[in-house]
């Protein structure tokens, strides 16, 4: 379909606008729509699979707190909670110089140089953020943050692993 739009009174001021309708070139338009719908379907399926994987990661990490309550059962999460408590109470400088006499008895352990404090720093930051936005009575304890934070990090790790797989393969499948 051709349209002519008058741009003024002079004949040279006319603008010719081309408009392609679906009935003029149906094979081109339908192929484009099919390609777009296939790509959209593939991306929606990709998002759905990753959302299910993230939810499964959270549920797997929450089996123990849902079964036994918010307890820390293993040694390593217990150490992370103790280290997060020490970091929260004493600050980062004291944490770097902290020599813990209660572990590896009778030798003890210099925590500041023998640990990666990422988990403790994230737990303390999340606790402070939650306490800043929650009323005082509803603010979670640092213990609760240390129990439930690994579930959140499991979902994040699952999603980032999926994005890494896409980056390497350039395929949503």
N, C-alpha and C. Protein backbone atom coordinates (compact mmCIF):
# COMPACT_ATOMS: atom_id res chain seq x y z
N UNK A 1 0.85 -1.16 0.00
CA UNK A 1 0.00 0.00 0.00
C UNK A 1 0.90 1.23 0.00
N UNK A 2 0.65 2.13 -0.89
CA UNK A 2 1.44 3.37 -0.98
C UNK A 2 0.59 4.52 -0.49
N UNK A 3 1.21 5.34 0.32
CA UNK A 3 0.52 6.53 0.80
C UNK A 3 1.29 7.74 0.31
N UNK A 4 0.59 8.77 -0.04
CA UNK A 4 1.23 10.03 -0.36
C UNK A 4 0.72 11.06 0.62
N UNK A 5 1.68 11.70 1.28
CA UNK A 5 1.32 12.70 2.26
C UNK A 5 1.75 14.05 1.72
N UNK A 6 0.83 14.97 1.63
CA UNK A 6 1.16 16.30 1.14
C UNK A 6 1.87 17.06 2.22
N UNK A 7 3.08 17.55 1.93
CA UNK A 7 3.87 18.29 2.89
C UNK A 7 3.73 19.78 2.72
N UNK A 8 2.96 20.22 1.82
CA UNK A 8 2.78 21.65 1.59
C UNK A 8 2.05 21.86 0.28
N UNK A 9 2.08 23.06 -0.20
CA UNK A 9 1.37 23.36 -1.44
C UNK A 9 2.22 23.12 -2.67
N UNK A 10 3.52 23.15 -2.54
CA UNK A 10 4.42 22.97 -3.68
C UNK A 10 4.53 21.48 -4.01
N UNK A 11 4.55 21.08 -5.28
CA UNK A 11 4.61 19.65 -5.64
C UNK A 11 5.88 18.94 -5.17
N UNK A 12 7.00 19.65 -5.02
CA UNK A 12 8.24 18.98 -4.59
C UNK A 12 8.25 18.72 -3.09
N UNK A 13 7.27 19.18 -2.37
CA UNK A 13 7.22 18.99 -0.93
C UNK A 13 6.47 17.72 -0.55
N UNK A 14 6.13 16.88 -1.54
CA UNK A 14 5.43 15.63 -1.24
C UNK A 14 6.41 14.59 -0.72
N UNK A 15 5.93 13.81 0.23
CA UNK A 15 6.73 12.73 0.81
C UNK A 15 6.01 11.43 0.52
N UNK A 16 6.75 10.48 -0.02
CA UNK A 16 6.16 9.19 -0.32
C UNK A 16 6.56 8.23 0.80
N UNK A 17 5.59 7.65 1.43
CA UNK A 17 5.82 6.74 2.54
C UNK A 17 5.40 5.34 2.11
N UNK A 18 6.30 4.41 2.30
CA UNK A 18 5.99 3.03 1.96
C UNK A 18 5.54 2.30 3.22
N UNK A 19 4.48 1.57 3.12
CA UNK A 19 3.97 0.82 4.26
C UNK A 19 3.70 -0.60 3.82
N UNK A 20 4.38 -1.57 4.42
CA UNK A 20 4.21 -2.97 4.03
C UNK A 20 3.20 -3.60 4.97
N UNK A 21 2.14 -4.11 4.40
CA UNK A 21 1.12 -4.77 5.18
C UNK A 21 1.29 -6.27 5.08
N UNK A 22 0.68 -7.00 5.98
CA UNK A 22 0.82 -8.45 6.02
C UNK A 22 0.25 -9.10 4.76
N UNK A 23 -0.78 -8.49 4.14
CA UNK A 23 -1.36 -9.11 2.96
C UNK A 23 -0.50 -8.91 1.72
N UNK A 24 0.46 -7.96 1.77
CA UNK A 24 1.33 -7.76 0.62
C UNK A 24 2.47 -8.77 0.59
N UNK A 25 3.10 -9.04 1.77
CA UNK A 25 4.20 -10.00 1.85
C UNK A 25 3.98 -10.92 3.05
N UNK A 26 3.04 -11.83 2.95
CA UNK A 26 2.71 -12.66 4.11
C UNK A 26 3.83 -13.63 4.50
N UNK A 27 4.63 -14.11 3.53
CA UNK A 27 5.67 -15.08 3.87
C UNK A 27 6.76 -14.45 4.73
N UNK A 28 7.11 -13.21 4.47
CA UNK A 28 8.15 -12.54 5.24
C UNK A 28 7.66 -12.24 6.67
N UNK A 29 6.46 -11.73 6.80
CA UNK A 29 5.92 -11.37 8.10
C UNK A 29 5.65 -12.61 8.95
N UNK A 30 5.09 -13.63 8.40
CA UNK A 30 4.79 -14.83 9.18
C UNK A 30 6.07 -15.54 9.60
N UNK A 31 7.11 -15.54 8.77
CA UNK A 31 8.39 -16.15 9.15
C UNK A 31 9.02 -15.38 10.30
N UNK A 32 8.93 -14.05 10.25
CA UNK A 32 9.47 -13.23 11.33
C UNK A 32 8.72 -13.46 12.63
N UNK A 33 7.39 -13.52 12.56
CA UNK A 33 6.59 -13.78 13.75
C UNK A 33 6.87 -15.16 14.32
N UNK A 34 7.06 -16.16 13.46
CA UNK A 34 7.37 -17.51 13.92
C UNK A 34 8.72 -17.55 14.62
N UNK A 35 9.70 -16.86 14.04
CA UNK A 35 11.03 -16.81 14.66
C UNK A 35 10.97 -16.11 16.01
N UNK A 36 10.25 -14.99 16.08
CA UNK A 36 10.14 -14.27 17.35
C UNK A 36 9.39 -15.10 18.39
N UNK A 37 8.36 -15.80 17.99
CA UNK A 37 7.62 -16.60 18.97
C UNK A 37 8.45 -17.79 19.44
N UNK A 38 9.27 -18.38 18.56
CA UNK A 38 10.13 -19.47 18.98
C UNK A 38 11.19 -18.99 19.96
N UNK A 39 11.79 -17.84 19.68
CA UNK A 39 12.81 -17.29 20.59
C UNK A 39 12.18 -16.91 21.93
N UNK A 40 11.00 -16.30 21.89
CA UNK A 40 10.33 -15.92 23.13
C UNK A 40 9.94 -17.15 23.94
N UNK A 41 9.48 -18.18 23.27
CA UNK A 41 9.13 -19.42 23.97
C UNK A 41 10.36 -20.05 24.59
N UNK A 42 11.48 -20.05 23.86
CA UNK A 42 12.72 -20.63 24.38
C UNK A 42 13.20 -19.86 25.60
N UNK A 43 13.15 -18.53 25.56
CA UNK A 43 13.59 -17.73 26.71
C UNK A 43 12.66 -17.90 27.91
N UNK A 44 11.36 -17.98 27.65
CA UNK A 44 10.43 -18.21 28.75
C UNK A 44 10.66 -19.58 29.39
N UNK A 45 10.92 -20.59 28.56
CA UNK A 45 11.22 -21.91 29.08
C UNK A 45 12.53 -21.89 29.88
N UNK A 46 13.52 -21.17 29.38
CA UNK A 46 14.81 -21.03 30.07
C UNK A 46 14.62 -20.37 31.44
N UNK A 47 13.82 -19.30 31.47
CA UNK A 47 13.55 -18.61 32.73
C UNK A 47 12.78 -19.51 33.70
N UNK A 48 11.82 -20.27 33.19
CA UNK A 48 11.04 -21.17 34.03
C UNK A 48 11.92 -22.26 34.63
N UNK A 49 12.81 -22.84 33.83
CA UNK A 49 13.70 -23.89 34.34
C UNK A 49 14.62 -23.33 35.41
N UNK A 50 15.15 -22.13 35.19
CA UNK A 50 16.05 -21.55 36.19
C UNK A 50 15.30 -21.13 37.46
N UNK A 51 14.08 -20.69 37.32
CA UNK A 51 13.29 -20.35 38.50
C UNK A 51 12.99 -21.61 39.31
N UNK A 52 12.66 -22.71 38.64
CA UNK A 52 12.41 -23.98 39.35
C UNK A 52 13.69 -24.45 40.03
N UNK A 53 14.83 -24.31 39.36
CA UNK A 53 16.10 -24.73 39.96
C UNK A 53 16.43 -23.88 41.18
N UNK A 54 16.17 -22.57 41.11
CA UNK A 54 16.45 -21.70 42.26
C UNK A 54 15.54 -22.04 43.44
N UNK A 55 14.27 -22.30 43.16
CA UNK A 55 13.34 -22.69 44.23
C UNK A 55 13.75 -24.03 44.83
N UNK A 56 14.18 -24.96 43.99
CA UNK A 56 14.63 -26.26 44.50
C UNK A 56 15.88 -26.10 45.37
N UNK A 57 16.79 -25.21 44.98
CA UNK A 57 17.99 -24.97 45.78
C UNK A 57 17.63 -24.41 47.15
N UNK A 58 16.67 -23.49 47.19
CA UNK A 58 16.24 -22.92 48.47
C UNK A 58 15.58 -24.00 49.33
N UNK A 59 14.70 -24.79 48.73
CA UNK A 59 14.00 -25.82 49.50
C UNK A 59 14.96 -26.89 50.03
N UNK A 60 15.96 -27.25 49.25
CA UNK A 60 16.94 -28.23 49.72
C UNK A 60 17.70 -27.68 50.92
N UNK A 61 18.09 -26.39 50.84
CA UNK A 61 18.84 -25.80 51.95
C UNK A 61 17.97 -25.59 53.19
N UNK A 62 16.65 -25.53 53.01
CA UNK A 62 15.75 -25.29 54.14
C UNK A 62 15.15 -26.56 54.72
N UNK A 63 15.58 -27.73 54.24
CA UNK A 63 15.05 -28.99 54.79
C UNK A 63 15.35 -29.09 56.28
N UNK A 64 16.60 -28.84 56.66
CA UNK A 64 16.97 -28.96 58.07
C UNK A 64 16.26 -27.93 58.96
N UNK A 65 16.23 -26.62 58.61
CA UNK A 65 15.48 -25.69 59.47
C UNK A 65 13.99 -25.98 59.53
N UNK A 66 13.40 -26.51 58.45
CA UNK A 66 11.98 -26.83 58.48
C UNK A 66 11.71 -28.08 59.31
N UNK A 67 12.66 -29.01 59.32
CA UNK A 67 12.48 -30.25 60.07
C UNK A 67 12.80 -30.09 61.55
N UNK A 68 13.95 -29.49 61.85
CA UNK A 68 14.44 -29.42 63.22
C UNK A 68 14.39 -28.03 63.84
N UNK A 69 13.94 -27.04 63.10
CA UNK A 69 13.94 -25.67 63.60
C UNK A 69 15.23 -24.97 63.21
N UNK A 70 15.32 -23.68 63.51
CA UNK A 70 16.50 -22.91 63.09
C UNK A 70 17.73 -23.21 63.95
N UNK A 71 18.28 -24.38 63.76
CA UNK A 71 19.47 -24.79 64.49
C UNK A 71 20.63 -24.91 63.51
N UNK A 72 21.81 -24.67 64.02
CA UNK A 72 23.00 -24.89 63.20
C UNK A 72 23.56 -26.24 63.63
N UNK A 73 23.57 -27.20 62.72
CA UNK A 73 23.92 -28.58 63.07
C UNK A 73 25.39 -28.92 62.87
N UNK A 74 25.98 -28.40 61.81
CA UNK A 74 27.33 -28.81 61.48
C UNK A 74 28.35 -27.85 62.08
N UNK A 75 29.61 -28.27 62.07
CA UNK A 75 30.66 -27.45 62.67
C UNK A 75 30.92 -26.18 61.87
N UNK A 76 31.06 -26.30 60.55
CA UNK A 76 31.45 -25.14 59.75
C UNK A 76 30.44 -24.00 59.82
N UNK A 77 29.12 -24.25 59.66
CA UNK A 77 28.18 -23.14 59.84
C UNK A 77 28.20 -22.58 61.27
N UNK A 78 28.47 -23.43 62.25
CA UNK A 78 28.56 -22.93 63.62
C UNK A 78 29.75 -21.97 63.75
N UNK A 79 30.88 -22.33 63.15
CA UNK A 79 32.03 -21.43 63.17
C UNK A 79 31.71 -20.12 62.44
N UNK A 80 31.02 -20.21 61.31
CA UNK A 80 30.66 -18.99 60.58
C UNK A 80 29.76 -18.10 61.42
N UNK A 81 28.84 -18.69 62.17
CA UNK A 81 27.98 -17.90 63.04
C UNK A 81 28.79 -17.24 64.16
N UNK A 82 29.68 -18.00 64.80
CA UNK A 82 30.53 -17.43 65.86
C UNK A 82 31.40 -16.30 65.31
N UNK A 83 31.97 -16.52 64.12
CA UNK A 83 32.83 -15.50 63.52
C UNK A 83 32.01 -14.27 63.12
N UNK A 84 30.79 -14.48 62.64
CA UNK A 84 29.92 -13.35 62.30
C UNK A 84 29.54 -12.56 63.54
N UNK A 85 29.28 -13.28 64.65
CA UNK A 85 28.99 -12.61 65.92
C UNK A 85 30.17 -11.75 66.37
N UNK A 86 31.37 -12.32 66.28
CA UNK A 86 32.57 -11.58 66.69
C UNK A 86 32.77 -10.35 65.79
N UNK A 87 32.56 -10.53 64.50
CA UNK A 87 32.69 -9.41 63.56
C UNK A 87 31.64 -8.34 63.85
N UNK A 88 30.43 -8.75 64.16
CA UNK A 88 29.35 -7.80 64.45
C UNK A 88 29.64 -7.02 65.73
N UNK A 89 30.14 -7.69 66.75
CA UNK A 89 30.39 -7.02 68.04
C UNK A 89 31.64 -6.16 68.03
N UNK A 90 32.72 -6.64 67.39
CA UNK A 90 34.02 -5.99 67.55
C UNK A 90 34.53 -5.24 66.33
N UNK A 91 33.93 -5.43 65.17
CA UNK A 91 34.37 -4.71 63.98
C UNK A 91 35.41 -5.48 63.18
N UNK A 92 35.74 -4.92 62.03
CA UNK A 92 36.61 -5.60 61.08
C UNK A 92 38.07 -5.64 61.53
N UNK A 93 38.55 -4.57 62.12
CA UNK A 93 39.95 -4.55 62.57
C UNK A 93 40.21 -5.60 63.65
N UNK A 94 39.32 -5.68 64.60
CA UNK A 94 39.48 -6.69 65.66
C UNK A 94 39.33 -8.09 65.09
N UNK A 95 38.46 -8.26 64.08
CA UNK A 95 38.29 -9.57 63.46
C UNK A 95 39.57 -10.02 62.77
N UNK A 96 40.27 -9.09 62.12
CA UNK A 96 41.53 -9.44 61.45
C UNK A 96 42.60 -9.88 62.44
N UNK A 97 42.56 -9.38 63.66
CA UNK A 97 43.58 -9.71 64.67
C UNK A 97 43.11 -10.78 65.66
N UNK A 98 41.92 -11.32 65.46
CA UNK A 98 41.31 -12.24 66.41
C UNK A 98 42.05 -13.58 66.44
N UNK A 99 42.50 -13.97 67.63
CA UNK A 99 43.07 -15.29 67.87
C UNK A 99 42.10 -16.04 68.75
N UNK A 100 41.46 -17.06 68.20
CA UNK A 100 40.42 -17.80 68.90
C UNK A 100 41.06 -18.97 69.66
N UNK A 101 41.03 -18.91 71.00
CA UNK A 101 41.63 -19.94 71.84
C UNK A 101 40.69 -21.14 72.04
N UNK A 102 39.42 -21.02 71.64
CA UNK A 102 38.46 -22.08 71.92
C UNK A 102 38.41 -23.14 70.83
N UNK A 103 39.08 -22.93 69.72
CA UNK A 103 39.08 -23.93 68.65
C UNK A 103 40.48 -24.53 68.53
N UNK A 104 40.54 -25.69 67.96
CA UNK A 104 41.78 -26.43 67.77
C UNK A 104 42.58 -26.49 69.06
N UNK A 105 41.89 -26.86 70.13
CA UNK A 105 42.50 -26.92 71.45
C UNK A 105 43.67 -27.89 71.44
N UNK A 106 44.75 -27.63 72.03
CA UNK A 106 45.17 -26.50 72.84
C UNK A 106 45.86 -25.39 72.05
N UNK A 107 45.97 -25.54 70.71
CA UNK A 107 46.74 -24.58 69.93
C UNK A 107 46.01 -23.27 69.69
N UNK A 108 44.72 -23.34 69.40
CA UNK A 108 43.99 -22.13 69.03
C UNK A 108 44.15 -21.85 67.54
N UNK A 109 43.57 -20.75 67.09
CA UNK A 109 43.59 -20.42 65.66
C UNK A 109 43.58 -18.92 65.48
N UNK A 110 44.45 -18.43 64.63
CA UNK A 110 44.40 -17.01 64.26
C UNK A 110 43.38 -16.88 63.13
N UNK A 111 42.20 -16.40 63.46
CA UNK A 111 41.07 -16.40 62.53
C UNK A 111 41.28 -15.41 61.40
N UNK A 112 41.81 -14.24 61.70
CA UNK A 112 41.94 -13.20 60.69
C UNK A 112 42.77 -13.60 59.48
N UNK A 113 43.77 -14.43 59.66
CA UNK A 113 44.62 -14.81 58.54
C UNK A 113 44.33 -16.21 57.99
N UNK A 114 43.44 -16.96 58.63
CA UNK A 114 43.18 -18.33 58.18
C UNK A 114 41.76 -18.55 57.70
N UNK A 115 41.00 -17.51 57.49
CA UNK A 115 39.63 -17.68 57.03
C UNK A 115 39.33 -16.68 55.91
N UNK A 116 38.35 -17.03 55.10
CA UNK A 116 37.83 -16.10 54.11
C UNK A 116 36.56 -15.50 54.71
N UNK A 117 36.57 -14.21 55.05
CA UNK A 117 35.47 -13.65 55.83
C UNK A 117 34.26 -13.21 55.00
N UNK A 118 34.14 -13.67 53.78
CA UNK A 118 33.03 -13.24 52.94
C UNK A 118 31.67 -13.60 53.50
N UNK A 119 31.51 -14.82 53.96
CA UNK A 119 30.23 -15.26 54.52
C UNK A 119 29.87 -14.45 55.75
N UNK A 120 30.84 -14.21 56.62
CA UNK A 120 30.57 -13.46 57.84
C UNK A 120 30.22 -12.00 57.50
N UNK A 121 30.93 -11.41 56.55
CA UNK A 121 30.64 -10.02 56.18
C UNK A 121 29.26 -9.88 55.55
N UNK A 122 28.88 -10.83 54.71
CA UNK A 122 27.56 -10.79 54.09
C UNK A 122 26.48 -10.98 55.15
N UNK A 123 26.71 -11.88 56.11
CA UNK A 123 25.73 -12.11 57.17
C UNK A 123 25.56 -10.87 58.04
N UNK A 124 26.66 -10.23 58.40
CA UNK A 124 26.57 -9.02 59.23
C UNK A 124 25.90 -7.89 58.45
N UNK A 125 26.26 -7.73 57.17
CA UNK A 125 25.63 -6.68 56.35
C UNK A 125 24.13 -6.94 56.18
N UNK A 126 23.75 -8.20 55.94
CA UNK A 126 22.33 -8.52 55.80
C UNK A 126 21.59 -8.29 57.11
N UNK A 127 22.21 -8.65 58.23
CA UNK A 127 21.59 -8.43 59.54
C UNK A 127 21.39 -6.94 59.80
N UNK A 128 22.40 -6.14 59.52
CA UNK A 128 22.25 -4.69 59.72
C UNK A 128 21.21 -4.09 58.79
N UNK A 129 21.15 -4.57 57.56
CA UNK A 129 20.14 -4.08 56.61
C UNK A 129 18.74 -4.46 57.07
N UNK A 130 18.57 -5.69 57.50
CA UNK A 130 17.25 -6.12 57.98
C UNK A 130 16.84 -5.37 59.25
N UNK A 131 17.80 -5.11 60.14
CA UNK A 131 17.49 -4.36 61.36
C UNK A 131 17.16 -2.90 61.06
N UNK A 132 17.75 -2.36 60.01
CA UNK A 132 17.47 -0.96 59.66
C UNK A 132 16.06 -0.79 59.11
N UNK A 133 15.55 -1.81 58.40
CA UNK A 133 14.23 -1.69 57.79
C UNK A 133 13.11 -2.31 58.61
N UNK A 134 13.44 -3.18 59.55
CA UNK A 134 12.40 -3.84 60.34
C UNK A 134 12.23 -3.13 61.67
N UNK A 135 11.02 -3.15 62.22
CA UNK A 135 10.84 -2.63 63.57
C UNK A 135 11.68 -3.44 64.56
N UNK A 136 11.98 -2.86 65.69
CA UNK A 136 12.89 -3.49 66.64
C UNK A 136 12.42 -4.88 67.07
N UNK A 137 11.13 -5.05 67.25
CA UNK A 137 10.62 -6.35 67.71
C UNK A 137 10.67 -7.40 66.59
N UNK A 138 10.58 -6.95 65.33
CA UNK A 138 10.55 -7.90 64.22
C UNK A 138 11.92 -8.14 63.61
N UNK A 139 12.95 -7.48 64.09
CA UNK A 139 14.29 -7.65 63.52
C UNK A 139 14.82 -9.05 63.82
N UNK A 140 15.37 -9.73 62.82
CA UNK A 140 15.87 -11.09 63.06
C UNK A 140 17.20 -11.05 63.80
N UNK A 141 17.49 -12.14 64.48
CA UNK A 141 18.78 -12.25 65.16
C UNK A 141 19.86 -12.60 64.14
N UNK A 142 21.09 -12.38 64.53
CA UNK A 142 22.20 -12.75 63.66
C UNK A 142 22.24 -14.26 63.44
N UNK A 143 21.82 -15.01 64.45
CA UNK A 143 21.74 -16.47 64.32
C UNK A 143 20.76 -16.86 63.22
N UNK A 144 19.60 -16.23 63.20
CA UNK A 144 18.60 -16.54 62.16
C UNK A 144 19.12 -16.17 60.77
N UNK A 145 19.81 -15.05 60.68
CA UNK A 145 20.39 -14.66 59.40
C UNK A 145 21.41 -15.70 58.94
N UNK A 146 22.25 -16.19 59.86
CA UNK A 146 23.25 -17.20 59.51
C UNK A 146 22.62 -18.54 59.15
N UNK A 147 21.42 -18.83 59.65
CA UNK A 147 20.74 -20.08 59.31
C UNK A 147 20.12 -19.99 57.93
N UNK A 148 19.48 -18.85 57.61
CA UNK A 148 18.72 -18.75 56.36
C UNK A 148 19.49 -18.13 55.21
N UNK A 149 20.60 -17.47 55.46
CA UNK A 149 21.37 -16.85 54.39
C UNK A 149 21.92 -17.87 53.39
N UNK A 150 22.39 -19.04 53.81
CA UNK A 150 22.86 -20.01 52.81
C UNK A 150 21.78 -20.43 51.81
N UNK A 151 20.52 -20.43 52.20
CA UNK A 151 19.46 -20.76 51.24
C UNK A 151 19.34 -19.69 50.17
N UNK A 152 19.44 -18.44 50.57
CA UNK A 152 19.39 -17.35 49.59
C UNK A 152 20.61 -17.41 48.68
N UNK A 153 21.77 -17.67 49.26
CA UNK A 153 22.99 -17.76 48.45
C UNK A 153 22.97 -18.98 47.54
N UNK A 154 22.29 -20.05 47.93
CA UNK A 154 22.16 -21.23 47.06
C UNK A 154 21.34 -20.88 45.82
N UNK A 155 20.26 -20.14 45.99
CA UNK A 155 19.46 -19.72 44.84
C UNK A 155 20.27 -18.81 43.93
N UNK A 156 21.00 -17.89 44.51
CA UNK A 156 21.84 -16.98 43.71
C UNK A 156 22.92 -17.76 42.96
N UNK A 157 23.54 -18.72 43.62
CA UNK A 157 24.57 -19.54 42.96
C UNK A 157 23.98 -20.36 41.83
N UNK A 158 22.77 -20.87 42.00
CA UNK A 158 22.12 -21.63 40.95
C UNK A 158 21.85 -20.76 39.73
N UNK A 159 21.33 -19.55 39.94
CA UNK A 159 21.06 -18.66 38.82
C UNK A 159 22.35 -18.22 38.13
N UNK A 160 23.38 -17.93 38.90
CA UNK A 160 24.65 -17.52 38.29
C UNK A 160 25.30 -18.68 37.53
N UNK A 161 25.13 -19.91 37.99
CA UNK A 161 25.64 -21.06 37.25
C UNK A 161 24.92 -21.21 35.92
N UNK A 162 23.61 -20.99 35.92
CA UNK A 162 22.86 -21.03 34.66
C UNK A 162 23.30 -19.95 33.70
N UNK A 163 23.55 -18.74 34.20
CA UNK A 163 24.03 -17.66 33.34
C UNK A 163 25.44 -17.95 32.82
N UNK A 164 26.28 -18.57 33.64
CA UNK A 164 27.61 -18.95 33.19
C UNK A 164 27.53 -20.01 32.10
N UNK A 165 26.64 -20.97 32.25
CA UNK A 165 26.46 -21.99 31.21
C UNK A 165 25.99 -21.36 29.91
N UNK A 166 25.11 -20.37 29.99
CA UNK A 166 24.67 -19.67 28.78
C UNK A 166 25.82 -18.89 28.16
N UNK A 167 26.62 -18.25 28.99
CA UNK A 167 27.75 -17.46 28.48
C UNK A 167 28.75 -18.35 27.75
N UNK A 168 28.98 -19.54 28.27
CA UNK A 168 29.95 -20.45 27.64
C UNK A 168 29.41 -21.06 26.36
N UNK A 169 28.15 -21.49 26.37
CA UNK A 169 27.60 -22.21 25.23
C UNK A 169 26.84 -21.33 24.25
N UNK A 170 26.40 -20.15 24.69
CA UNK A 170 25.54 -19.26 23.89
C UNK A 170 24.29 -19.97 23.41
N UNK A 171 23.79 -20.86 24.23
CA UNK A 171 22.59 -21.60 23.91
C UNK A 171 21.71 -21.66 25.16
N UNK A 172 20.44 -21.39 24.97
CA UNK A 172 19.52 -21.46 26.10
C UNK A 172 19.15 -22.90 26.43
N UNK A 173 19.47 -23.84 25.56
CA UNK A 173 19.15 -25.24 25.81
C UNK A 173 20.28 -25.93 26.52
